[in-house]
C-alpha atoms as a PDB file:
ATOM      1  CA  MET A   1     -63.183-124.286-101.161  1.00  0.00           C
ATOM      2  CA  THR A   2     -64.900-127.585-101.012  1.00  0.00           C
ATOM      3  CA  ARG A   3     -68.082-127.895 -99.103  1.00  0.00           C
ATOM      4  CA  ARG A   4     -68.491-130.930 -96.929  1.00  0.00           C
ATOM      5  CA  SER A   5     -71.736-132.711 -97.139  1.00  0.00           C
ATOM      6  CA  ARG A   6     -73.293-133.263 -93.797  1.00  0.00           C
ATOM      7  CA  SER A   7     -74.307-136.712 -92.873  1.00  0.00           C
ATOM      8  CA  PRO A   8     -77.832-136.903 -91.585  1.00  0.00           C
ATOM      9  CA  ARG A   9     -78.113-136.686 -87.829  1.00  0.00           C
ATOM     10  CA  PRO A  10     -79.257-139.842 -86.170  1.00  0.00           C
ATOM     11  CA  GLN A  11     -82.807-139.440 -85.018  1.00  0.00           C
ATOM     12  CA  GLN A  12     -83.236-139.474 -81.306  1.00  0.00           C
ATOM     13  CA  GLN A  13     -85.656-141.957 -79.922  1.00  0.00           C
ATOM     14  CA  PRO A  14     -88.423-140.305 -77.906  1.00  0.00           C
ATOM     15  CA  ARG A  15     -88.023-140.741 -74.190  1.00  0.00           C
ATOM     16  CA  GLU A  16     -90.132-143.571 -72.980  1.00  0.00           C
ATOM     17  CA  GLN A  17     -92.986-142.246 -70.919  1.00  0.00           C
ATOM     18  CA  ALA A  18     -94.308-144.231 -68.036  1.00  0.00           C
ATOM     19  CA  ALA A  19     -97.933-145.190 -68.409  1.00  0.00           C
ATOM     20  CA  ILE A  20    -100.137-142.612 -66.719  1.00  0.00           C
ATOM     21  CA  ASP A  21    -102.269-144.053 -63.972  1.00  0.00           C
ATOM     22  CA  PRO A  22    -105.890-142.908 -64.348  1.00  0.00           C
ATOM     23  CA  ARG A  23    -105.879-141.931 -60.660  1.00  0.00           C
ATOM     24  CA  LEU A  24    -103.006-139.518 -61.294  1.00  0.00           C
ATOM     25  CA  LYS A  25    -104.899-138.051 -64.239  1.00  0.00           C
ATOM     26  CA  THR A  26    -107.905-137.562 -61.957  1.00  0.00           C
ATOM     27  CA  LEU A  27    -105.767-135.980 -59.249  1.00  0.00           C
ATOM     28  CA  GLY A  28    -104.228-133.687 -61.862  1.00  0.00           C
ATOM     29  CA  ALA A  29    -107.677-132.698 -63.119  1.00  0.00           C
ATOM     30  CA  HIS A  30    -108.722-131.900 -59.541  1.00  0.00           C
ATOM     31  CA  LEU A  31    -105.586-129.791 -59.087  1.00  0.00           C
ATOM     32  CA  ARG A  32    -106.397-127.895 -62.283  1.00  0.00           C
ATOM     33  CA  ALA A  33    -110.006-127.350 -61.160  1.00  0.00           C
ATOM     34  CA  THR A  34    -108.773-126.072 -57.781  1.00  0.00           C
ATOM     35  CA  ARG A  35    -106.367-123.675 -59.501  1.00  0.00           C
ATOM     36  CA  LYS A  36    -109.021-122.338 -61.868  1.00  0.00           C
ATOM     37  CA  GLU A  37    -112.193-122.409 -59.785  1.00  0.00           C
ATOM     38  CA  VAL A  38    -111.034-121.906 -56.204  1.00  0.00           C
ATOM     39  CA  PHE A  39    -107.937-119.736 -56.598  1.00  0.00           C
ATOM     40  CA  ARG A  40    -108.913-118.278 -59.995  1.00  0.00           C
ATOM     41  CA  GLU A  41    -105.273-118.176 -61.010  1.00  0.00           C
ATOM     42  CA  GLY A  42    -103.334-118.939 -64.146  1.00  0.00           C
ATOM     43  CA  HIS A  43    -100.381-121.288 -64.358  1.00  0.00           C
ATOM     44  CA  ILE A  44     -97.796-118.643 -63.484  1.00  0.00           C
ATOM     45  CA  ALA A  45     -99.458-117.316 -60.329  1.00  0.00           C
ATOM     46  CA  PHE A  46    -100.403-120.768 -59.054  1.00  0.00           C
ATOM     47  CA  SER A  47     -96.953-122.216 -59.731  1.00  0.00           C
ATOM     48  CA  ARG A  48     -95.492-119.365 -57.664  1.00  0.00           C
ATOM     49  CA  ARG A  49     -97.974-120.140 -54.900  1.00  0.00           C
ATOM     50  CA  MET A  50     -96.808-123.785 -54.945  1.00  0.00           C
ATOM     51  CA  GLY A  51     -93.142-122.879 -55.316  1.00  0.00           C
ATOM     52  CA  VAL A  52     -92.681-124.907 -58.515  1.00  0.00           C
ATOM     53  CA  ALA A  53     -91.907-124.188 -62.144  1.00  0.00           C
ATOM     54  CA  VAL A  54     -94.808-123.692 -64.530  1.00  0.00           C
ATOM     55  CA  ALA A  55     -93.660-126.774 -66.452  1.00  0.00           C
ATOM     56  CA  THR A  56     -93.887-128.838 -63.256  1.00  0.00           C
ATOM     57  CA  LEU A  57     -97.398-127.604 -62.545  1.00  0.00           C
ATOM     58  CA  ARG A  58     -98.437-128.540 -66.079  1.00  0.00           C
ATOM     59  CA  LYS A  59     -96.940-132.012 -65.620  1.00  0.00           C
ATOM     60  CA  MET A  60     -98.925-132.415 -62.413  1.00  0.00           C
ATOM     61  CA  GLU A  61    -102.146-131.338 -64.090  1.00  0.00           C
ATOM     62  CA  ARG A  62    -101.557-133.935 -66.818  1.00  0.00           C
ATOM     63  CA  GLY A  63    -100.944-136.660 -64.225  1.00  0.00           C
ATOM     64  CA  ASN A  64     -97.274-137.174 -65.035  1.00  0.00           C
ATOM     65  CA  PRO A  65     -95.992-139.942 -62.719  1.00  0.00           C
ATOM     66  CA  ASN A  66     -92.478-138.464 -62.567  1.00  0.00           C
ATOM     67  CA  VAL A  67     -93.438-135.569 -60.265  1.00  0.00           C
ATOM     68  CA  ARG A  68     -91.981-135.862 -56.772  1.00  0.00           C
ATOM     69  CA  ILE A  69     -94.362-136.892 -53.990  1.00  0.00           C
ATOM     70  CA  GLY A  70     -93.366-133.825 -51.958  1.00  0.00           C
ATOM     71  CA  LEU A  71     -94.857-131.583 -54.628  1.00  0.00           C
ATOM     72  CA  TRP A  72     -98.091-133.572 -54.551  1.00  0.00           C
ATOM     73  CA  ILE A  73     -98.211-133.081 -50.783  1.00  0.00           C
ATOM     74  CA  LYS A  74     -97.920-129.325 -51.344  1.00  0.00           C
ATOM     75  CA  ALA A  75    -100.705-129.520 -53.915  1.00  0.00           C
ATOM     76  CA  LEU A  76    -102.935-131.597 -51.643  1.00  0.00           C
ATOM     77  CA  THR A  77    -102.372-129.095 -48.844  1.00  0.00           C
ATOM     78  CA  LEU A  78    -103.482-126.247 -51.120  1.00  0.00           C
ATOM     79  CA  MET A  79    -106.475-128.357 -52.142  1.00  0.00           C
ATOM     80  CA  GLN A  80    -107.215-128.908 -48.426  1.00  0.00           C
ATOM     81  CA  VAL A  81    -107.468-132.671 -48.841  1.00  0.00           C
ATOM     82  CA  ASP A  82    -104.126-133.733 -47.372  1.00  0.00           C
ATOM     83  CA  ASP A  83    -105.536-135.072 -44.076  1.00  0.00           C
ATOM     84  CA  ALA A  84    -108.104-137.212 -45.865  1.00  0.00           C
ATOM     85  CA  VAL A  85    -105.430-138.685 -48.135  1.00  0.00           C
ATOM     86  CA  PHE A  86    -103.129-139.477 -45.244  1.00  0.00           C
ATOM     87  CA  GLU A  87    -105.983-141.127 -43.356  1.00  0.00           C
ATOM     88  CA  ALA A  88    -106.948-143.142 -46.429  1.00  0.00           C
ATOM     89  CA  SER A  89    -103.348-144.319 -46.827  1.00  0.00           C
ATOM     90  CA  ARG A  90    -103.500-146.456 -43.688  1.00  0.00           C
ATOM     91  CA  PRO A  91    -102.657-150.091 -44.416  1.00  0.00           C
ATOM     92  CA  ALA A  92    -105.551-151.869 -46.088  1.00  0.00           C
ATOM     93  CA  LEU A  93    -105.440-154.740 -43.620  1.00  0.00           C
ATOM     94  CA  LEU A  94    -106.181-152.359 -40.750  1.00  0.00           C
ATOM     95  CA  LEU A  95    -109.013-150.789 -42.705  1.00  0.00           C
ATOM     96  CA  ARG A  96    -110.494-154.200 -43.549  1.00  0.00           C
ATOM     97  CA  THR A  97    -110.242-155.362 -39.939  1.00  0.00           C
ATOM     98  CA  SER A  98    -111.797-152.155 -38.688  1.00  0.00           C
ATOM     99  CA  TYR A  99    -114.532-152.332 -41.309  1.00  0.00           C
ATOM    100  CA  SER A 100    -115.202-156.007 -40.577  1.00  0.00           C
ATOM    101  CA  GLU A 101    -115.539-155.376 -36.855  1.00  0.00           C
ATOM    102  CA  GLN A 102    -117.907-152.462 -37.478  1.00  0.00           C
ATOM    103  CA  ALA A 103    -119.942-154.506 -39.955  1.00  0.00           C
ATOM    104  CA  ASP A 104    -120.145-157.441 -37.534  1.00  0.00           C
ATOM    105  CA  ARG A 105    -121.347-155.176 -34.719  1.00  0.00           C
ATOM    106  CA  ALA A 106    -123.929-153.550 -36.986  1.00  0.00           C
ATOM    107  CA  PHE A 107    -125.173-156.966 -38.157  1.00  0.00           C
ATOM    108  CA  GLU A 108    -125.450-158.279 -34.593  1.00  0.00           C
ATOM    109  CA  ALA A 109    -127.335-155.163 -33.528  1.00  0.00           C
ATOM    110  CA  SER A 110    -129.745-155.469 -36.447  1.00  0.00           C
ATOM    111  CA  VAL A 111    -130.393-159.151 -35.677  1.00  0.00           C
ATOM    112  CA  ARG A 112    -131.094-158.383 -32.021  1.00  0.00           C
ATOM    113  CA  ASN A 113    -133.557-155.654 -32.964  1.00  0.00           C
ATOM    114  CA  GLN A 114    -135.537-157.718 -35.496  1.00  0.00           C
ATOM    115  CA  PRO A 115    -138.940-159.074 -34.537  1.00  0.00           C
ATOM    116  CA  PRO A 116    -139.212-162.877 -34.421  1.00  0.00           C
ATOM    117  CA  PRO A 117    -140.098-164.478 -37.768  1.00  0.00           C
ATOM    118  CA  SER A 118    -143.809-164.929 -38.357  1.00  0.00           C
ATOM    119  CA  GLY A 119    -145.500-167.941 -39.860  1.00  0.00           C
ATOM    120  CA  PRO A 120    -145.311-171.665 -39.254  1.00  0.00           C
ATOM    121  CA  SER A 121    -142.194-172.995 -37.638  1.00  0.00           C
ATOM    122  CA  ALA A 122    -140.110-175.557 -39.506  1.00  0.00           C
ATOM    123  CA  ASP A 123    -139.503-177.610 -36.313  1.00  0.00           C
END
């Protein structure tokens, strides 16, 4: 009986990973801190609480950009920061306009409340 020699298997190329946004890494670190410090739970218990697989929770904690937004909303709800995130997600133009109007009003109020300049007049 002749033994066939096996040809070497072609090496698989590693799946290309999307670049991890530092903000996602930070959000993942906050999720991990919430799990450990607030809930005092391990991966298994916390993943059950979120209704996700342990592998998914680990991806979230590493800031993997391929996690569905719905799972992040669940996480943000558990972290009790969902309302703040939704408020902060308003269009930037509206925020700038609102901020500009507030800044203008504050500036006008401060100018009205300032004493007249002292010293010789440049007239």
